[in-house]
């Protein structure tokens, strides 16, 4: 297999991992979602705290999110780009969750998402996730109404 074919195959595996994660999110299957993360993942989320260290801690954040949403959970991904190396890869996209919060709110902002992957035992795992929103430098507030 030549290098281009190998890279395309690796990218397809990572895209499948992301598709599986989205399907698990929509099904509220936390175990399946978390199976994509390395146990030592480091997450810089768009919500407090500044970072989550380890899959167990990050799992609690997702459980809290599921507990705060009533009904279906959605996810939209746009402009996903993936770059693959030998045992490391990264991807970036725009991403938005959807669902109705139990407090009546339901508008999730578009976020910028960067994912870092490491191949562990022949399987791609997410080892770092960074989500962010732009901010207005004049007022210091997050710009939550931007759309792709």
C-alpha atoms as a PDB file:
ATOM      1  CA  UNK A   1       0.000   0.000   0.000  1.00  0.00           C
ATOM      2  CA  UNK A   2       1.481   3.367  -0.978  1.00  0.00           C
ATOM      3  CA  UNK A   3       1.690   6.302   1.429  1.00  0.00           C
ATOM      4  CA  UNK A   4      -1.257   8.215  -0.076  1.00  0.00           C
ATOM      5  CA  UNK A   5      -3.505   5.149   0.115  1.00  0.00           C
ATOM      6  CA  UNK A   6      -2.384   4.463   3.683  1.00  0.00           C
ATOM      7  CA  UNK A   7      -3.064   8.072   4.764  1.00  0.00           C
ATOM      8  CA  UNK A   8      -6.503   7.957   3.117  1.00  0.00           C
ATOM      9  CA  UNK A   9      -7.280   4.731   4.985  1.00  0.00           C
ATOM     10  CA  UNK A  10      -6.149   6.248   8.309  1.00  0.00           C
ATOM     11  CA  UNK A  11      -8.225   9.378   7.663  1.00  0.00           C
ATOM     12  CA  UNK A  12     -11.260   7.210   6.898  1.00  0.00           C
ATOM     13  CA  UNK A  13     -10.780   5.433  10.253  1.00  0.00           C
ATOM     14  CA  UNK A  14     -10.693   8.784  12.067  1.00  0.00           C
ATOM     15  CA  UNK A  15     -13.780  10.029  10.226  1.00  0.00           C
ATOM     16  CA  UNK A  16     -15.552   6.810  11.247  1.00  0.00           C
ATOM     17  CA  UNK A  17     -14.509   7.403  14.870  1.00  0.00           C
ATOM     18  CA  UNK A  18     -16.034  10.893  14.699  1.00  0.00           C
ATOM     19  CA  UNK A  19     -19.220   9.559  13.059  1.00  0.00           C
ATOM     20  CA  UNK A  20     -19.501   6.900  15.782  1.00  0.00           C
ATOM     21  CA  UNK A  21     -19.046   9.578  18.464  1.00  0.00           C
ATOM     22  CA  UNK A  22     -21.807  11.737  16.917  1.00  0.00           C
ATOM     23  CA  UNK A  23     -24.146   8.720  16.734  1.00  0.00           C
ATOM     24  CA  UNK A  24     -23.408   7.917  20.383  1.00  0.00           C
ATOM     25  CA  UNK A  25     -24.040  11.537  21.382  1.00  0.00           C
ATOM     26  CA  UNK A  26     -27.396  11.573  19.613  1.00  0.00           C
ATOM     27  CA  UNK A  27     -28.293   8.260  21.313  1.00  0.00           C
ATOM     28  CA  UNK A  28     -27.069   9.592  24.699  1.00  0.00           C
ATOM     29  CA  UNK A  29     -24.796   6.557  24.890  1.00  0.00           C
ATOM     30  CA  UNK A  30     -22.112   7.912  27.199  1.00  0.00           C
ATOM     31  CA  UNK A  31     -20.153   4.647  27.317  1.00  0.00           C
ATOM     32  CA  UNK A  32     -19.855   4.547  23.530  1.00  0.00           C
ATOM     33  CA  UNK A  33     -18.911   8.247  23.415  1.00  0.00           C
ATOM     34  CA  UNK A  34     -16.194   7.830  26.013  1.00  0.00           C
ATOM     35  CA  UNK A  35     -14.743   4.763  24.255  1.00  0.00           C
ATOM     36  CA  UNK A  36     -13.265   7.193  21.692  1.00  0.00           C
ATOM     37  CA  UNK A  37     -11.203   9.020  24.311  1.00  0.00           C
ATOM     38  CA  UNK A  38      -7.804   8.098  25.654  1.00  0.00           C
ATOM     39  CA  UNK A  39      -7.910   7.573  29.443  1.00  0.00           C
ATOM     40  CA  UNK A  40      -5.375  10.406  29.822  1.00  0.00           C
ATOM     41  CA  UNK A  41      -7.190  12.901  27.579  1.00  0.00           C
ATOM     42  CA  UNK A  42      -6.696  16.605  28.217  1.00  0.00           C
ATOM     43  CA  UNK A  43      -9.682  18.769  27.283  1.00  0.00           C
ATOM     44  CA  UNK A  44      -9.865  22.535  26.964  1.00  0.00           C
ATOM     45  CA  UNK A  45     -13.633  23.015  26.817  1.00  0.00           C
ATOM     46  CA  UNK A  46     -15.581  26.130  25.908  1.00  0.00           C
ATOM     47  CA  UNK A  47     -17.228  25.931  29.339  1.00  0.00           C
ATOM     48  CA  UNK A  48     -15.619  26.099  32.802  1.00  0.00           C
ATOM     49  CA  UNK A  49     -13.331  24.869  34.191  1.00  0.00           C
ATOM     50  CA  UNK A  50     -10.264  25.736  32.128  1.00  0.00           C
ATOM     51  CA  UNK A  51      -9.410  22.090  31.585  1.00  0.00           C
ATOM     52  CA  UNK A  52     -10.553  18.529  32.186  1.00  0.00           C
ATOM     53  CA  UNK A  53      -7.810  16.007  32.889  1.00  0.00           C
ATOM     54  CA  UNK A  54      -8.603  12.380  32.175  1.00  0.00           C
ATOM     55  CA  UNK A  55     -11.564  10.581  30.683  1.00  0.00           C
ATOM     56  CA  UNK A  56     -13.245  10.058  34.070  1.00  0.00           C
ATOM     57  CA  UNK A  57     -13.385  13.784  34.753  1.00  0.00           C
ATOM     58  CA  UNK A  58     -14.537  14.553  31.215  1.00  0.00           C
ATOM     59  CA  UNK A  59     -17.231  11.872  31.468  1.00  0.00           C
ATOM     60  CA  UNK A  60     -18.736  13.744  34.449  1.00  0.00           C
ATOM     61  CA  UNK A  61     -18.965  16.899  32.314  1.00  0.00           C
ATOM     62  CA  UNK A  62     -20.847  15.021  29.569  1.00  0.00           C
ATOM     63  CA  UNK A  63     -23.132  13.369  32.120  1.00  0.00           C
ATOM     64  CA  UNK A  64     -23.994  16.830  33.468  1.00  0.00           C
ATOM     65  CA  UNK A  65     -24.737  18.000  29.926  1.00  0.00           C
ATOM     66  CA  UNK A  66     -27.058  15.062  29.283  1.00  0.00           C
ATOM     67  CA  UNK A  67     -28.767  15.656  32.633  1.00  0.00           C
ATOM     68  CA  UNK A  68     -29.459  19.287  31.677  1.00  0.00           C
ATOM     69  CA  UNK A  69     -31.023  18.523  28.261  1.00  0.00           C
ATOM     70  CA  UNK A  70     -34.537  17.204  27.792  1.00  0.00           C
ATOM     71  CA  UNK A  71     -35.422  15.294  24.672  1.00  0.00           C
ATOM     72  CA  UNK A  72     -33.161  14.688  21.698  1.00  0.00           C
ATOM     73  CA  UNK A  73     -29.556  15.845  21.442  1.00  0.00           C
ATOM     74  CA  UNK A  74     -28.181  16.870  18.078  1.00  0.00           C
ATOM     75  CA  UNK A  75     -24.767  17.635  16.666  1.00  0.00           C
ATOM     76  CA  UNK A  76     -23.758  19.366  13.464  1.00  0.00           C
ATOM     77  CA  UNK A  77     -20.199  19.369  12.148  1.00  0.00           C
ATOM     78  CA  UNK A  78     -18.999  21.606   9.344  1.00  0.00           C
ATOM     79  CA  UNK A  79     -15.751  21.888   7.424  1.00  0.00           C
ATOM     80  CA  UNK A  80     -14.012  18.911   9.057  1.00  0.00           C
ATOM     81  CA  UNK A  81     -10.375  18.707   7.985  1.00  0.00           C
ATOM     82  CA  UNK A  82      -8.058  15.893   9.114  1.00  0.00           C
ATOM     83  CA  UNK A  83      -4.295  15.618   8.829  1.00  0.00           C
ATOM     84  CA  UNK A  84      -2.764  12.198   9.468  1.00  0.00           C
ATOM     85  CA  UNK A  85       0.782  11.263  10.468  1.00  0.00           C
ATOM     86  CA  UNK A  86       2.172   7.863  11.433  1.00  0.00           C
ATOM     87  CA  UNK A  87       0.683   7.555  14.920  1.00  0.00           C
ATOM     88  CA  UNK A  88      -0.571  11.118  15.459  1.00  0.00           C
ATOM     89  CA  UNK A  89      -3.304  13.037  13.664  1.00  0.00           C
ATOM     90  CA  UNK A  90      -5.362  16.144  14.181  1.00  0.00           C
ATOM     91  CA  UNK A  91      -8.630  17.493  12.929  1.00  0.00           C
ATOM     92  CA  UNK A  92     -10.502  20.752  13.147  1.00  0.00           C
ATOM     93  CA  UNK A  93     -14.034  21.829  12.370  1.00  0.00           C
ATOM     94  CA  UNK A  94     -16.928  24.020  13.374  1.00  0.00           C
ATOM     95  CA  UNK A  95     -19.370  22.220  15.627  1.00  0.00           C
ATOM     96  CA  UNK A  96     -22.721  22.892  17.234  1.00  0.00           C
ATOM     97  CA  UNK A  97     -24.787  20.843  19.649  1.00  0.00           C
ATOM     98  CA  UNK A  98     -28.542  21.219  19.760  1.00  0.00           C
ATOM     99  CA  UNK A  99     -31.212  20.308  22.240  1.00  0.00           C
ATOM    100  CA  UNK A 100     -33.629  21.906  24.647  1.00  0.00           C
ATOM    101  CA  UNK A 101     -32.231  22.664  28.041  1.00  0.00           C
ATOM    102  CA  UNK A 102     -34.433  21.775  31.010  1.00  0.00           C
ATOM    103  CA  UNK A 103     -34.342  25.455  31.998  1.00  0.00           C
ATOM    104  CA  UNK A 104     -36.036  26.290  28.674  1.00  0.00           C
ATOM    105  CA  UNK A 105     -32.961  27.522  26.840  1.00  0.00           C
ATOM    106  CA  UNK A 106     -31.892  25.689  23.728  1.00  0.00           C
ATOM    107  CA  UNK A 107     -29.530  27.754  21.648  1.00  0.00           C
ATOM    108  CA  UNK A 108     -26.046  26.329  21.581  1.00  0.00           C
ATOM    109  CA  UNK A 109     -23.409  28.463  19.873  1.00  0.00           C
ATOM    110  CA  UNK A 110     -21.161  27.332  17.074  1.00  0.00           C
ATOM    111  CA  UNK A 111     -17.753  26.441  18.468  1.00  0.00           C
ATOM    112  CA  UNK A 112     -14.335  25.908  16.972  1.00  0.00           C
ATOM    113  CA  UNK A 113     -13.145  22.393  17.712  1.00  0.00           C
ATOM    114  CA  UNK A 114      -9.660  20.919  17.392  1.00  0.00           C
ATOM    115  CA  UNK A 115      -9.087  17.219  18.032  1.00  0.00           C
ATOM    116  CA  UNK A 116      -5.741  15.473  18.455  1.00  0.00           C
ATOM    117  CA  UNK A 117      -5.599  11.714  17.903  1.00  0.00           C
ATOM    118  CA  UNK A 118      -3.016   9.088  18.835  1.00  0.00           C
ATOM    119  CA  UNK A 119      -2.924   5.551  17.538  1.00  0.00           C
ATOM    120  CA  UNK A 120      -2.892   3.226  20.542  1.00  0.00           C
ATOM    121  CA  UNK A 121      -2.657  -0.513  19.944  1.00  0.00           C
ATOM    122  CA  UNK A 122      -3.717  -0.018  16.327  1.00  0.00           C
ATOM    123  CA  UNK A 123      -6.781   2.087  17.242  1.00  0.00           C
ATOM    124  CA  UNK A 124      -7.150   5.856  16.888  1.00  0.00           C
ATOM    125  CA  UNK A 125      -8.102   7.580  20.163  1.00  0.00           C
ATOM    126  CA  UNK A 126      -8.823  11.239  20.951  1.00  0.00           C
ATOM    127  CA  UNK A 127      -6.023  12.417  23.250  1.00  0.00           C
ATOM    128  CA  UNK A 128      -6.719  16.156  23.270  1.00  0.00           C
ATOM    129  CA  UNK A 129      -9.806  18.207  22.533  1.00  0.00           C
ATOM    130  CA  UNK A 130      -9.941  21.994  22.407  1.00  0.00           C
ATOM    131  CA  UNK A 131     -13.226  23.862  21.993  1.00  0.00           C
ATOM    132  CA  UNK A 132     -13.442  27.630  21.856  1.00  0.00           C
ATOM    133  CA  UNK A 133     -15.607  30.562  20.859  1.00  0.00           C
ATOM    134  CA  UNK A 134     -14.298  33.884  19.581  1.00  0.00           C
ATOM    135  CA  UNK A 135     -14.652  36.945  21.769  1.00  0.00           C
ATOM    136  CA  UNK A 136     -15.189  40.641  21.155  1.00  0.00           C
ATOM    137  CA  UNK A 137     -11.959  42.369  22.215  1.00  0.00           C
ATOM    138  CA  UNK A 138     -13.814  45.634  22.888  1.00  0.00           C
ATOM    139  CA  UNK A 139     -16.128  44.250  25.567  1.00  0.00           C
ATOM    140  CA  UNK A 140     -14.354  41.015  26.459  1.00  0.00           C
ATOM    141  CA  UNK A 141     -17.520  38.947  25.969  1.00  0.00           C
ATOM    142  CA  UNK A 142     -17.854  35.755  23.981  1.00  0.00           C
ATOM    143  CA  UNK A 143     -19.305  36.112  20.488  1.00  0.00           C
ATOM    144  CA  UNK A 144     -21.976  33.420  20.709  1.00  0.00           C
ATOM    145  CA  UNK A 145     -24.142  34.488  17.778  1.00  0.00           C
ATOM    146  CA  UNK A 146     -21.641  33.848  14.948  1.00  0.00           C
ATOM    147  CA  UNK A 147     -22.583  31.365  12.234  1.00  0.00           C
ATOM    148  CA  UNK A 148     -20.461  29.613   9.608  1.00  0.00           C
END
